[in-house]
Every structure is written in C-alpha cells, then in structure tokens.
Amino acid sequence: MFDPEKTELDEFLKEYTRARRNAVFFIENYWNKLHPDNPIILTDDEKQQLYKRFRMAPLVHDIVAYTKRLEELRAKGYKDWEIDA
C-alpha cells in the first residue's frame, strides 16, 4: 500500500497527472528525452492544436477564480499548454 506521507509519491502523482492531461508537456518532458535522435519539434500553433485535441477538463471547485487565473496568466503571455497544471 502507498504511504501518503511520502513526498516522492505526491510529486509523481502531480507529474503523472500533468503528463496525462497535457500532450505538449508529455512530448517536451518525456517523449523527446526517450527519443533524442528523432524529437518532435512543434510550432506554437501545432502545440495549441495538440493541446486542444487531448486536453482534459480539470476538476474545478471555484470556476470564477479558475477563469480569472487563466485570464491573468494569458495576459502575462503564457500559452494554454504552459498554464495547464
């Protein structure tokens, strides 16, 4: 059984959830490291299309705060696939 006190498990679950919900994050942080001879290089438009195709709806407890946070981060220049955390 998993020990909930272990921070390694917490970090793994956080990273796994992000990789599972964000195809761009997975490509950049896992796929390209496993396949350094043939990395997948995408433009920002291709990243946005890929992100939209595979994104999952996050569990949101406060939709107003979530929407406000998205707007603030986008105004700072973050792309959707960079925000998804």
PDB file of N, CA and C in Angstrom:
ATOM      1  N   MET A   1       0.843  -1.182   0.000  1.00  0.00           N
ATOM      2  CA  MET A   1       0.000   0.000   0.000  1.00  0.00           C
ATOM      3  C   MET A   1       0.889   1.247   0.000  1.00  0.00           C
ATOM      4  N   PHE A   2       0.399   2.305  -0.614  1.00  0.00           N
ATOM      5  CA  PHE A   2       1.162   3.545  -0.695  1.00  0.00           C
ATOM      6  C   PHE A   2       1.147   4.289   0.633  1.00  0.00           C
ATOM      7  N   ASP A   3       2.264   4.867   0.970  1.00  0.00           N
ATOM      8  CA  ASP A   3       2.375   5.681   2.170  1.00  0.00           C
ATOM      9  C   ASP A   3       2.078   7.129   1.791  1.00  0.00           C
ATOM     10  N   PRO A   4       0.966   7.689   2.271  1.00  0.00           N
ATOM     11  CA  PRO A   4       0.610   9.063   1.881  1.00  0.00           C
ATOM     12  C   PRO A   4       1.584  10.118   2.389  1.00  0.00           C
ATOM     13  N   GLU A   5       2.470   9.736   3.291  1.00  0.00           N
ATOM     14  CA  GLU A   5       3.450  10.683   3.825  1.00  0.00           C
ATOM     15  C   GLU A   5       4.641  10.889   2.887  1.00  0.00           C
ATOM     16  N   LYS A   6       4.802  10.031   1.917  1.00  0.00           N
ATOM     17  CA  LYS A   6       5.960  10.122   1.026  1.00  0.00           C
ATOM     18  C   LYS A   6       5.768  11.239   0.009  1.00  0.00           C
ATOM     19  N   THR A   7       6.681  12.178   0.016  1.00  0.00           N
ATOM     20  CA  THR A   7       6.583  13.282  -0.931  1.00  0.00           C
ATOM     21  C   THR A   7       6.930  12.834  -2.345  1.00  0.00           C
ATOM     22  N   GLU A   8       7.711  11.770  -2.484  1.00  0.00           N
ATOM     23  CA  GLU A   8       8.038  11.275  -3.822  1.00  0.00           C
ATOM     24  C   GLU A   8       6.768  10.835  -4.542  1.00  0.00           C
ATOM     25  N   LEU A   9       5.887  10.169  -3.823  1.00  0.00           N
ATOM     26  CA  LEU A   9       4.632   9.739  -4.427  1.00  0.00           C
ATOM     27  C   LEU A   9       3.782  10.948  -4.801  1.00  0.00           C
ATOM     28  N   ASP A  10       3.733  11.931  -3.923  1.00  0.00           N
ATOM     29  CA  ASP A  10       2.976  13.144  -4.225  1.00  0.00           C
ATOM     30  C   ASP A  10       3.504  13.819  -5.485  1.00  0.00           C
ATOM     31  N   GLU A  11       4.817  13.915  -5.594  1.00  0.00           N
ATOM     32  CA  GLU A  11       5.426  14.534  -6.778  1.00  0.00           C
ATOM     33  C   GLU A  11       5.156  13.707  -8.029  1.00  0.00           C
ATOM     34  N   PHE A  12       5.255  12.382  -7.900  1.00  0.00           N
ATOM     35  CA  PHE A  12       4.961  11.510  -9.034  1.00  0.00           C
ATOM     36  C   PHE A  12       3.523  11.706  -9.499  1.00  0.00           C
ATOM     37  N   LEU A  13       2.577  11.700  -8.579  1.00  0.00           N
ATOM     38  CA  LEU A  13       1.168  11.843  -8.943  1.00  0.00           C
ATOM     39  C   LEU A  13       0.901  13.195  -9.601  1.00  0.00           C
ATOM     40  N   LYS A  14       1.529  14.233  -9.105  1.00  0.00           N
ATOM     41  CA  LYS A  14       1.374  15.563  -9.700  1.00  0.00           C
ATOM     42  C   LYS A  14       1.919  15.574 -11.132  1.00  0.00           C
ATOM     43  N   GLU A  15       3.107  15.021 -11.310  1.00  0.00           N
ATOM     44  CA  GLU A  15       3.751  14.985 -12.629  1.00  0.00           C
ATOM     45  C   GLU A  15       2.973  14.086 -13.599  1.00  0.00           C
ATOM     46  N   TYR A  16       2.532  12.939 -13.113  1.00  0.00           N
ATOM     47  CA  TYR A  16       1.780  12.000 -13.953  1.00  0.00           C
ATOM     48  C   TYR A  16       0.457  12.619 -14.401  1.00  0.00           C
ATOM     49  N   THR A  17      -0.225  13.280 -13.490  1.00  0.00           N
ATOM     50  CA  THR A  17      -1.491  13.921 -13.833  1.00  0.00           C
ATOM     51  C   THR A  17      -1.278  14.977 -14.909  1.00  0.00           C
ATOM     52  N   ARG A  18      -0.223  15.746 -14.761  1.00  0.00           N
ATOM     53  CA  ARG A  18       0.051  16.786 -15.757  1.00  0.00           C
ATOM     54  C   ARG A  18       0.404  16.165 -17.108  1.00  0.00           C
ATOM     55  N   ALA A  19       1.218  15.134 -17.117  1.00  0.00           N
ATOM     56  CA  ALA A  19       1.598  14.479 -18.375  1.00  0.00           C
ATOM     57  C   ALA A  19       0.391  13.818 -19.027  1.00  0.00           C
ATOM     58  N   ARG A  20      -0.491  13.271 -18.216  1.00  0.00           N
ATOM     59  CA  ARG A  20      -1.674  12.584 -18.737  1.00  0.00           C
ATOM     60  C   ARG A  20      -2.663  13.566 -19.355  1.00  0.00           C
ATOM     61  N   ARG A  21      -2.742  14.774 -18.822  1.00  0.00           N
ATOM     62  CA  ARG A  21      -3.709  15.762 -19.304  1.00  0.00           C
ATOM     63  C   ARG A  21      -3.145  16.710 -20.350  1.00  0.00           C
ATOM     64  N   ASN A  22      -1.835  16.715 -20.570  1.00  0.00           N
ATOM     65  CA  ASN A  22      -1.223  17.729 -21.420  1.00  0.00           C
ATOM     66  C   ASN A  22      -0.227  17.063 -22.375  1.00  0.00           C
ATOM     67  N   ALA A  23      -0.655  16.845 -23.612  1.00  0.00           N
ATOM     68  CA  ALA A  23       0.180  16.154 -24.597  1.00  0.00           C
ATOM     69  C   ALA A  23       1.465  16.921 -24.901  1.00  0.00           C
ATOM     70  N   VAL A  24       1.418  18.232 -24.898  1.00  0.00           N
ATOM     71  CA  VAL A  24       2.612  19.037 -25.174  1.00  0.00           C
ATOM     72  C   VAL A  24       3.634  18.845 -24.057  1.00  0.00           C
ATOM     73  N   PHE A  25       3.183  18.873 -22.820  1.00  0.00           N
ATOM     74  CA  PHE A  25       4.059  18.635 -21.671  1.00  0.00           C
ATOM     75  C   PHE A  25       4.696  17.252 -21.777  1.00  0.00           C
ATOM     76  N   PHE A  26       3.905  16.248 -22.154  1.00  0.00           N
ATOM     77  CA  PHE A  26       4.421  14.889 -22.299  1.00  0.00           C
ATOM     78  C   PHE A  26       5.503  14.825 -23.374  1.00  0.00           C
ATOM     79  N   ILE A  27       5.250  15.420 -24.532  1.00  0.00           N
ATOM     80  CA  ILE A  27       6.230  15.398 -25.624  1.00  0.00           C
ATOM     81  C   ILE A  27       7.534  16.057 -25.196  1.00  0.00           C
ATOM     82  N   GLU A  28       7.429  17.251 -24.615  1.00  0.00           N
ATOM     83  CA  GLU A  28       8.633  18.011 -24.265  1.00  0.00           C
ATOM     84  C   GLU A  28       9.416  17.404 -23.111  1.00  0.00           C
ATOM     85  N   ASN A  29       8.732  16.824 -22.143  1.00  0.00           N
ATOM     86  CA  ASN A  29       9.409  16.343 -20.940  1.00  0.00           C
ATOM     87  C   ASN A  29       9.683  14.844 -20.910  1.00  0.00           C
ATOM     88  N   TYR A  30       9.037  14.088 -21.786  1.00  0.00           N
ATOM     89  CA  TYR A  30       9.240  12.643 -21.763  1.00  0.00           C
ATOM     90  C   TYR A  30       9.604  12.079 -23.134  1.00  0.00           C
ATOM     91  N   TRP A  31       8.736  12.260 -24.108  1.00  0.00           N
ATOM     92  CA  TRP A  31       8.946  11.660 -25.430  1.00  0.00           C
ATOM     93  C   TRP A  31      10.288  12.073 -26.035  1.00  0.00           C
ATOM     94  N   ASN A  32      10.569  13.356 -26.068  1.00  0.00           N
ATOM     95  CA  ASN A  32      11.807  13.835 -26.687  1.00  0.00           C
ATOM     96  C   ASN A  32      13.052  13.377 -25.935  1.00  0.00           C
ATOM     97  N   LYS A  33      12.936  13.119 -24.648  1.00  0.00           N
ATOM     98  CA  LYS A  33      14.073  12.599 -23.885  1.00  0.00           C
ATOM     99  C   LYS A  33      14.274  11.112 -24.136  1.00  0.00           C
ATOM    100  N   LEU A  34      13.191  10.400 -24.417  1.00  0.00           N
ATOM    101  CA  LEU A  34      13.299   8.974 -24.735  1.00  0.00           C
ATOM    102  C   LEU A  34      13.751   8.748 -26.172  1.00  0.00           C
ATOM    103  N   HIS A  35      13.488   9.718 -27.039  1.00  0.00           N
ATOM    104  CA  HIS A  35      13.822   9.607 -28.462  1.00  0.00           C
ATOM    105  C   HIS A  35      14.645  10.818 -28.905  1.00  0.00           C
ATOM    106  N   PRO A  36      15.851  10.986 -28.360  1.00  0.00           N
ATOM    107  CA  PRO A  36      16.647  12.176 -28.691  1.00  0.00           C
ATOM    108  C   PRO A  36      17.086  12.232 -30.157  1.00  0.00           C
ATOM    109  N   ASP A  37      17.127  11.092 -30.836  1.00  0.00           N
ATOM    110  CA  ASP A  37      17.524  11.083 -32.245  1.00  0.00           C
ATOM    111  C   ASP A  37      16.413  11.581 -33.162  1.00  0.00           C
ATOM    112  N   ASN A  38      15.168  11.443 -32.737  1.00  0.00           N
ATOM    113  CA  ASN A  38      14.013  11.870 -33.533  1.00  0.00           C
ATOM    114  C   ASN A  38      13.032  12.653 -32.670  1.00  0.00           C
ATOM    115  N   PRO A  39      13.421  13.814 -32.171  1.00  0.00           N
ATOM    116  CA  PRO A  39      12.496  14.568 -31.319  1.00  0.00           C
ATOM    117  C   PRO A  39      11.344  15.150 -32.135  1.00  0.00           C
ATOM    118  N   ILE A  40      10.239  15.371 -31.480  1.00  0.00           N
ATOM    119  CA  ILE A  40       9.094  16.018 -32.107  1.00  0.00           C
ATOM    120  C   ILE A  40       9.216  17.514 -31.823  1.00  0.00           C
ATOM    121  N   ILE A  41       9.396  18.293 -32.875  1.00  0.00           N
ATOM    122  CA  ILE A  41       9.527  19.741 -32.754  1.00  0.00           C
ATOM    123  C   ILE A  41       8.246  20.362 -33.300  1.00  0.00           C
ATOM    124  N   LEU A  42       7.563  21.138 -32.469  1.00  0.00           N
ATOM    125  CA  LEU A  42       6.283  21.717 -32.856  1.00  0.00           C
ATOM    126  C   LEU A  42       6.329  23.239 -32.800  1.00  0.00           C
ATOM    127  N   THR A  43       5.578  23.869 -33.692  1.00  0.00           N
ATOM    128  CA  THR A  43       5.399  25.320 -33.625  1.00  0.00           C
ATOM    129  C   THR A  43       4.371  25.615 -32.532  1.00  0.00           C
ATOM    130  N   ASP A  44       4.229  26.878 -32.163  1.00  0.00           N
ATOM    131  CA  ASP A  44       3.222  27.239 -31.167  1.00  0.00           C
ATOM    132  C   ASP A  44       1.816  26.876 -31.638  1.00  0.00           C
ATOM    133  N   ASP A  45       1.527  27.067 -32.926  1.00  0.00           N
ATOM    134  CA  ASP A  45       0.206  26.707 -33.454  1.00  0.00           C
ATOM    135  C   ASP A  45      -0.033  25.201 -33.361  1.00  0.00           C
ATOM    136  N   GLU A  46       0.969  24.412 -33.693  1.00  0.00           N
ATOM    137  CA  GLU A  46       0.843  22.956 -33.593  1.00  0.00           C
ATOM    138  C   GLU A  46       0.668  22.517 -32.138  1.00  0.00           C
ATOM    139  N   LYS A  47       1.382  23.178 -31.232  1.00  0.00           N
ATOM    140  CA  LYS A  47       1.234  22.863 -29.806  1.00  0.00           C
ATOM    141  C   LYS A  47      -0.185  23.166 -29.339  1.00  0.00           C
ATOM    142  N   GLN A  48      -0.722  24.307 -29.774  1.00  0.00           N
ATOM    143  CA  GLN A  48      -2.078  24.682 -29.369  1.00  0.00           C
ATOM    144  C   GLN A  48      -3.092  23.675 -29.900  1.00  0.00           C
ATOM    145  N   GLN A  49      -2.943  23.249 -31.154  1.00  0.00           N
ATOM    146  CA  GLN A  49      -3.856  22.260 -31.729  1.00  0.00           C
ATOM    147  C   GLN A  49      -3.767  20.931 -30.991  1.00  0.00           C
ATOM    148  N   LEU A  50      -2.563  20.498 -30.698  1.00  0.00           N
ATOM    149  CA  LEU A  50      -2.363  19.241 -29.973  1.00  0.00           C
ATOM    150  C   LEU A  50      -2.932  19.336 -28.561  1.00  0.00           C
ATOM    151  N   TYR A  51      -2.683  20.459 -27.908  1.00  0.00           N
ATOM    152  CA  TYR A  51      -3.207  20.658 -26.556  1.00  0.00           C
ATOM    153  C   TYR A  51      -4.736  20.594 -26.557  1.00  0.00           C
ATOM    154  N   LYS A  52      -5.366  21.297 -27.492  1.00  0.00           N
ATOM    155  CA  LYS A  52      -6.830  21.309 -27.561  1.00  0.00           C
ATOM    156  C   LYS A  52      -7.393  19.926 -27.876  1.00  0.00           C
ATOM    157  N   ARG A  53      -6.690  19.166 -28.695  1.00  0.00           N
ATOM    158  CA  ARG A  53      -7.183  17.845 -29.096  1.00  0.00           C
ATOM    159  C   ARG A  53      -7.218  16.858 -27.928  1.00  0.00           C
ATOM    160  N   PHE A  54      -6.230  16.905 -27.047  1.00  0.00           N
ATOM    161  CA  PHE A  54      -6.116  15.900 -25.995  1.00  0.00           C
ATOM    162  C   PHE A  54      -6.351  16.417 -24.580  1.00  0.00           C
ATOM    163  N   ARG A  55      -6.623  17.694 -24.423  1.00  0.00           N
ATOM    164  CA  ARG A  55      -6.770  18.215 -23.054  1.00  0.00           C
ATOM    165  C   ARG A  55      -7.979  17.599 -22.368  1.00  0.00           C
ATOM    166  N   MET A  56      -7.871  17.548 -21.065  1.00  0.00           N
ATOM    167  CA  MET A  56      -8.960  17.029 -20.247  1.00  0.00           C
ATOM    168  C   MET A  56      -9.469  18.177 -19.382  1.00  0.00           C
ATOM    169  N   ALA A  57     -10.727  18.130 -19.055  1.00  0.00           N
ATOM    170  CA  ALA A  57     -11.297  19.172 -18.204  1.00  0.00           C
ATOM    171  C   ALA A  57     -10.771  19.012 -16.783  1.00  0.00           C
ATOM    172  N   PRO A  58     -10.227  20.083 -16.224  1.00  0.00           N
ATOM    173  CA  PRO A  58      -9.731  19.996 -14.848  1.00  0.00           C
ATOM    174  C   PRO A  58     -10.886  19.988 -13.850  1.00  0.00           C
ATOM    175  N   LEU A  59     -10.650  19.410 -12.701  1.00  0.00           N
ATOM    176  CA  LEU A  59     -11.626  19.458 -11.625  1.00  0.00           C
ATOM    177  C   LEU A  59     -11.509  20.834 -10.982  1.00  0.00           C
ATOM    178  N   VAL A  60     -12.561  21.620 -11.093  1.00  0.00           N
ATOM    179  CA  VAL A  60     -12.523  22.998 -10.616  1.00  0.00           C
ATOM    180  C   VAL A  60     -13.572  23.178  -9.519  1.00  0.00           C
ATOM    181  N   HIS A  61     -13.121  23.642  -8.376  1.00  0.00           N
ATOM    182  CA  HIS A  61     -14.035  23.885  -7.264  1.00  0.00           C
ATOM    183  C   HIS A  61     -14.605  25.300  -7.321  1.00  0.00           C
ATOM    184  N   ASP A  62     -13.835  26.247  -7.850  1.00  0.00           N
ATOM    185  CA  ASP A  62     -14.259  27.643  -7.942  1.00  0.00           C
ATOM    186  C   ASP A  62     -14.004  28.119  -9.368  1.00  0.00           C
ATOM    187  N   ILE A  63     -15.017  28.022 -10.213  1.00  0.00           N
ATOM    188  CA  ILE A  63     -14.857  28.325 -11.636  1.00  0.00           C
ATOM    189  C   ILE A  63     -14.509  29.796 -11.861  1.00  0.00           C
ATOM    190  N   VAL A  64     -15.014  30.697 -11.038  1.00  0.00           N
ATOM    191  CA  VAL A  64     -14.717  32.123 -11.201  1.00  0.00           C
ATOM    192  C   VAL A  64     -13.228  32.378 -10.945  1.00  0.00           C
ATOM    193  N   ALA A  65     -12.701  31.823  -9.864  1.00  0.00           N
ATOM    194  CA  ALA A  65     -11.274  32.002  -9.550  1.00  0.00           C
ATOM    195  C   ALA A  65     -10.403  31.338 -10.613  1.00  0.00           C
ATOM    196  N   TYR A  66     -10.815  30.175 -11.088  1.00  0.00           N
ATOM    197  CA  TYR A  66     -10.061  29.458 -12.119  1.00  0.00           C
ATOM    198  C   TYR A  66     -10.014  30.279 -13.409  1.00  0.00           C
ATOM    199  N   THR A  67     -11.160  30.804 -13.825  1.00  0.00           N
ATOM    200  CA  THR A  67     -11.231  31.609 -15.045  1.00  0.00           C
ATOM    201  C   THR A  67     -10.394  32.879 -14.911  1.00  0.00           C
ATOM    202  N   LYS A  68     -10.457  33.514 -13.747  1.00  0.00           N
ATOM    203  CA  LYS A  68      -9.662  34.722 -13.513  1.00  0.00           C
ATOM    204  C   LYS A  68      -8.171  34.405 -13.595  1.00  0.00           C
ATOM    205  N   ARG A  69      -7.769  33.286 -13.011  1.00  0.00           N
ATOM    206  CA  ARG A  69      -6.354  32.877 -13.051  1.00  0.00           C
ATOM    207  C   ARG A  69      -5.907  32.638 -14.491  1.00  0.00           C
ATOM    208  N   LEU A  70      -6.744  31.962 -15.289  1.00  0.00           N
ATOM    209  CA  LEU A  70      -6.414  31.732 -16.700  1.00  0.00           C
ATOM    210  C   LEU A  70      -6.229  33.052 -17.440  1.00  0.00           C
ATOM    211  N   GLU A  71      -7.136  33.982 -17.238  1.00  0.00           N
ATOM    212  CA  GLU A  71      -7.049  35.280 -17.912  1.00  0.00           C
ATOM    213  C   GLU A  71      -5.775  36.024 -17.522  1.00  0.00           C
ATOM    214  N   GLU A  72      -5.425  35.989 -16.233  1.00  0.00           N
ATOM    215  CA  GLU A  72      -4.215  36.668 -15.766  1.00  0.00           C
ATOM    216  C   GLU A  72      -2.959  36.055 -16.387  1.00  0.00           C
ATOM    217  N   LEU A  73      -2.901  34.737 -16.416  1.00  0.00           N
ATOM    218  CA  LEU A  73      -1.720  34.073 -16.975  1.00  0.00           C
ATOM    219  C   LEU A  73      -1.614  34.293 -18.478  1.00  0.00           C
ATOM    220  N   ARG A  74      -2.743  34.266 -19.176  1.00  0.00           N
ATOM    221  CA  ARG A  74      -2.723  34.530 -20.618  1.00  0.00           C
ATOM    222  C   ARG A  74      -2.282  35.964 -20.891  1.00  0.00           C
ATOM    223  N   ALA A  75      -2.713  36.903 -20.050  1.00  0.00           N
ATOM    224  CA  ALA A  75      -2.307  38.303 -20.206  1.00  0.00           C
ATOM    225  C   ALA A  75      -0.802  38.467 -20.004  1.00  0.00           C
ATOM    226  N   LYS A  76      -0.202  37.598 -19.203  1.00  0.00           N
ATOM    227  CA  LYS A  76       1.245  37.634 -18.978  1.00  0.00           C
ATOM    228  C   LYS A  76       2.016  36.950 -20.099  1.00  0.00           C
ATOM    229  N   GLY A  77       1.287  36.352 -21.061  1.00  0.00           N
ATOM    230  CA  GLY A  77       1.946  35.745 -22.206  1.00  0.00           C
ATOM    231  C   GLY A  77       2.074  34.234 -22.165  1.00  0.00           C
ATOM    232  N   TYR A  78       1.505  33.604 -21.157  1.00  0.00           N
ATOM    233  CA  TYR A  78       1.565  32.145 -21.089  1.00  0.00           C
ATOM    234  C   TYR A  78       0.650  31.532 -22.140  1.00  0.00           C
ATOM    235  N   LYS A  79       1.074  30.420 -22.707  1.00  0.00           N
ATOM    236  CA  LYS A  79       0.267  29.661 -23.655  1.00  0.00           C
ATOM    237  C   LYS A  79      -0.571  28.659 -22.871  1.00  0.00           C
ATOM    238  N   ASP A  80      -1.655  28.167 -23.474  1.00  0.00           N
ATOM    239  CA  ASP A  80      -2.545  27.234 -22.774  1.00  0.00           C
ATOM    240  C   ASP A  80      -1.809  26.015 -22.240  1.00  0.00           C
ATOM    241  N   TRP A  81      -0.929  25.437 -23.053  1.00  0.00           N
ATOM    242  CA  TRP A  81      -0.236  24.221 -22.634  1.00  0.00           C
ATOM    243  C   TRP A  81       0.782  24.488 -21.528  1.00  0.00           C
ATOM    244  N   GLU A  82       1.167  25.732 -21.341  1.00  0.00           N
ATOM    245  CA  GLU A  82       2.073  26.090 -20.250  1.00  0.00           C
ATOM    246  C   GLU A  82       1.305  26.324 -18.949  1.00  0.00           C
ATOM    247  N   ILE A  83       0.054  26.710 -19.066  1.00  0.00           N
ATOM    248  CA  ILE A  83      -0.783  27.000 -17.903  1.00  0.00           C
ATOM    249  C   ILE A  83      -1.283  25.722 -17.262  1.00  0.00           C
ATOM    250  N   ASP A  84      -1.659  24.761 -18.061  1.00  0.00           N
ATOM    251  CA  ASP A  84      -2.294  23.539 -17.580  1.00  0.00           C
ATOM    252  C   ASP A  84      -1.436  22.848 -16.536  1.00  0.00           C
ATOM    253  N   ALA A  85      -1.813  22.998 -15.301  1.00  0.00           N
ATOM    254  CA  ALA A  85      -1.047  22.374 -14.221  1.00  0.00           C
ATOM    255  C   ALA A  85      -1.967  21.824 -13.168  1.00  0.00           C
TER     256      ALA A  85
END
